[in-house]
Structure formats: C-alpha cells, structure tokens
C-alpha cells in the first residue's frame, strides 16, 4: 500500500533543483523524491549503528579497528 506525503515550506531553490534532477533522471518529481526518501529510510540511523558496534565489541573482543570499520561499511551497504 502506498501513502501520499506532502512537504510544505521548501525553499524555491530546493524545489527547482529537485525538479531539475528529476528531469535529468527522466522521472517525475514525485518519483524522484520518493526514491530519495526510500533510500534515506533504508539506511540505519546513527543509534542503530552504535548498537551494532556495541554488539561487535561484545562478540569480537579484540577486533581490530580495520575489522570494525569494514563491518560498518558492510552494514551501510546492505
């Protein structure tokens, strides 16, 4: 099921840039902004990342900085 979201009080310059980017991508403004919001919502929040790092610390006591950074990159890309 899809929902409609209305965003108010955006600067004209922001709207113009979003419209231009949507046009370059050959998409409607609604589709373009929807993709941006979907991507943003799929990324973990800073709090979720911290929870995962804490979990890594508990599980992998002794993990190197590089191993932790690699795991964070993997999480972000998933």
C-alpha atoms as a PDB file:
ATOM      1  CA  UNK A   1       0.000   0.000   0.000  1.00  0.00           C
ATOM      2  CA  UNK A   2       1.351   3.423  -0.882  1.00  0.00           C
ATOM      3  CA  UNK A   3       0.818   6.650   1.011  1.00  0.00           C
ATOM      4  CA  UNK A   4       0.948  10.283   0.000  1.00  0.00           C
ATOM      5  CA  UNK A   5       3.256  12.727   1.758  1.00  0.00           C
ATOM      6  CA  UNK A   6       3.033  16.470   1.374  1.00  0.00           C
ATOM      7  CA  UNK A   7       6.045  18.632   2.167  1.00  0.00           C
ATOM      8  CA  UNK A   8       5.485  22.301   2.881  1.00  0.00           C
ATOM      9  CA  UNK A   9       7.697  25.354   3.168  1.00  0.00           C
ATOM     10  CA  UNK A  10      10.620  24.247   0.998  1.00  0.00           C
ATOM     11  CA  UNK A  11      12.783  26.991  -0.459  1.00  0.00           C
ATOM     12  CA  UNK A  12      12.085  27.676  -4.123  1.00  0.00           C
ATOM     13  CA  UNK A  13      15.726  26.925  -4.917  1.00  0.00           C
ATOM     14  CA  UNK A  14      15.444  23.474  -3.354  1.00  0.00           C
ATOM     15  CA  UNK A  15      12.316  22.667  -5.331  1.00  0.00           C
ATOM     16  CA  UNK A  16      13.891  23.953  -8.546  1.00  0.00           C
ATOM     17  CA  UNK A  17      16.977  21.797  -8.014  1.00  0.00           C
ATOM     18  CA  UNK A  18      14.900  18.706  -7.253  1.00  0.00           C
ATOM     19  CA  UNK A  19      12.818  19.301 -10.391  1.00  0.00           C
ATOM     20  CA  UNK A  20      15.972  19.697 -12.475  1.00  0.00           C
ATOM     21  CA  UNK A  21      17.477  16.498 -11.080  1.00  0.00           C
ATOM     22  CA  UNK A  22      14.231  14.617 -11.647  1.00  0.00           C
ATOM     23  CA  UNK A  23      14.141  15.848 -15.243  1.00  0.00           C
ATOM     24  CA  UNK A  24      17.759  14.760 -15.815  1.00  0.00           C
ATOM     25  CA  UNK A  25      16.850  11.346 -14.430  1.00  0.00           C
ATOM     26  CA  UNK A  26      13.750  11.324 -16.690  1.00  0.00           C
ATOM     27  CA  UNK A  27      11.493  10.898 -13.681  1.00  0.00           C
ATOM     28  CA  UNK A  28       8.626  12.807 -12.214  1.00  0.00           C
ATOM     29  CA  UNK A  29       9.400  14.949  -9.206  1.00  0.00           C
ATOM     30  CA  UNK A  30       7.237  12.654  -7.083  1.00  0.00           C
ATOM     31  CA  UNK A  31       9.102   9.525  -8.199  1.00  0.00           C
ATOM     32  CA  UNK A  32      12.500  11.158  -7.747  1.00  0.00           C
ATOM     33  CA  UNK A  33      11.778  12.452  -4.245  1.00  0.00           C
ATOM     34  CA  UNK A  34      10.156   9.135  -3.340  1.00  0.00           C
ATOM     35  CA  UNK A  35      13.364   7.306  -4.249  1.00  0.00           C
ATOM     36  CA  UNK A  36      15.433   9.704  -2.142  1.00  0.00           C
ATOM     37  CA  UNK A  37      13.157   9.194   0.853  1.00  0.00           C
ATOM     38  CA  UNK A  38      13.085   5.418   0.380  1.00  0.00           C
ATOM     39  CA  UNK A  39      16.911   5.336   0.344  1.00  0.00           C
ATOM     40  CA  UNK A  40      17.118   7.508   3.444  1.00  0.00           C
ATOM     41  CA  UNK A  41      14.621   5.351   5.317  1.00  0.00           C
ATOM     42  CA  UNK A  42      16.511   2.167   4.435  1.00  0.00           C
ATOM     43  CA  UNK A  43      19.801   3.365   5.954  1.00  0.00           C
ATOM     44  CA  UNK A  44      20.459   2.616   9.602  1.00  0.00           C
ATOM     45  CA  UNK A  45      20.223   5.535  11.996  1.00  0.00           C
ATOM     46  CA  UNK A  46      23.295   6.624  13.976  1.00  0.00           C
ATOM     47  CA  UNK A  47      21.710   4.997  17.024  1.00  0.00           C
ATOM     48  CA  UNK A  48      21.285   1.698  15.165  1.00  0.00           C
ATOM     49  CA  UNK A  49      24.907   1.831  14.027  1.00  0.00           C
ATOM     50  CA  UNK A  50      26.063   2.389  17.599  1.00  0.00           C
ATOM     51  CA  UNK A  51      24.012  -0.610  18.747  1.00  0.00           C
ATOM     52  CA  UNK A  52      25.651  -2.738  16.062  1.00  0.00           C
ATOM     53  CA  UNK A  53      29.122  -1.515  17.045  1.00  0.00           C
ATOM     54  CA  UNK A  54      28.381  -2.386  20.665  1.00  0.00           C
ATOM     55  CA  UNK A  55      27.275  -5.827  19.526  1.00  0.00           C
ATOM     56  CA  UNK A  56      30.534  -6.225  17.631  1.00  0.00           C
ATOM     57  CA  UNK A  57      32.514  -5.230  20.700  1.00  0.00           C
ATOM     58  CA  UNK A  58      30.736  -7.825  22.828  1.00  0.00           C
ATOM     59  CA  UNK A  59      31.102 -10.575  20.236  1.00  0.00           C
ATOM     60  CA  UNK A  60      34.510  -9.799  18.800  1.00  0.00           C
ATOM     61  CA  UNK A  61      36.529  -8.620  21.743  1.00  0.00           C
ATOM     62  CA  UNK A  62      39.891  -7.875  20.263  1.00  0.00           C
ATOM     63  CA  UNK A  63      38.644  -6.947  16.781  1.00  0.00           C
ATOM     64  CA  UNK A  64      40.951  -4.504  15.082  1.00  0.00           C
ATOM     65  CA  UNK A  65      39.901  -1.002  14.098  1.00  0.00           C
ATOM     66  CA  UNK A  66      40.092  -2.056  10.447  1.00  0.00           C
ATOM     67  CA  UNK A  67      37.803  -5.040  11.044  1.00  0.00           C
ATOM     68  CA  UNK A  68      35.253  -2.851  12.782  1.00  0.00           C
ATOM     69  CA  UNK A  69      35.382  -0.240  10.002  1.00  0.00           C
ATOM     70  CA  UNK A  70      34.957  -2.955   7.363  1.00  0.00           C
ATOM     71  CA  UNK A  71      31.919  -4.323   9.208  1.00  0.00           C
ATOM     72  CA  UNK A  72      30.430  -0.823   9.391  1.00  0.00           C
ATOM     73  CA  UNK A  73      30.939  -0.383   5.627  1.00  0.00           C
ATOM     74  CA  UNK A  74      29.264  -3.738   5.016  1.00  0.00           C
ATOM     75  CA  UNK A  75      26.308  -2.751   7.202  1.00  0.00           C
ATOM     76  CA  UNK A  76      25.885   0.602   5.426  1.00  0.00           C
ATOM     77  CA  UNK A  77      25.892  -1.063   2.022  1.00  0.00           C
ATOM     78  CA  UNK A  78      23.324  -3.673   2.999  1.00  0.00           C
END
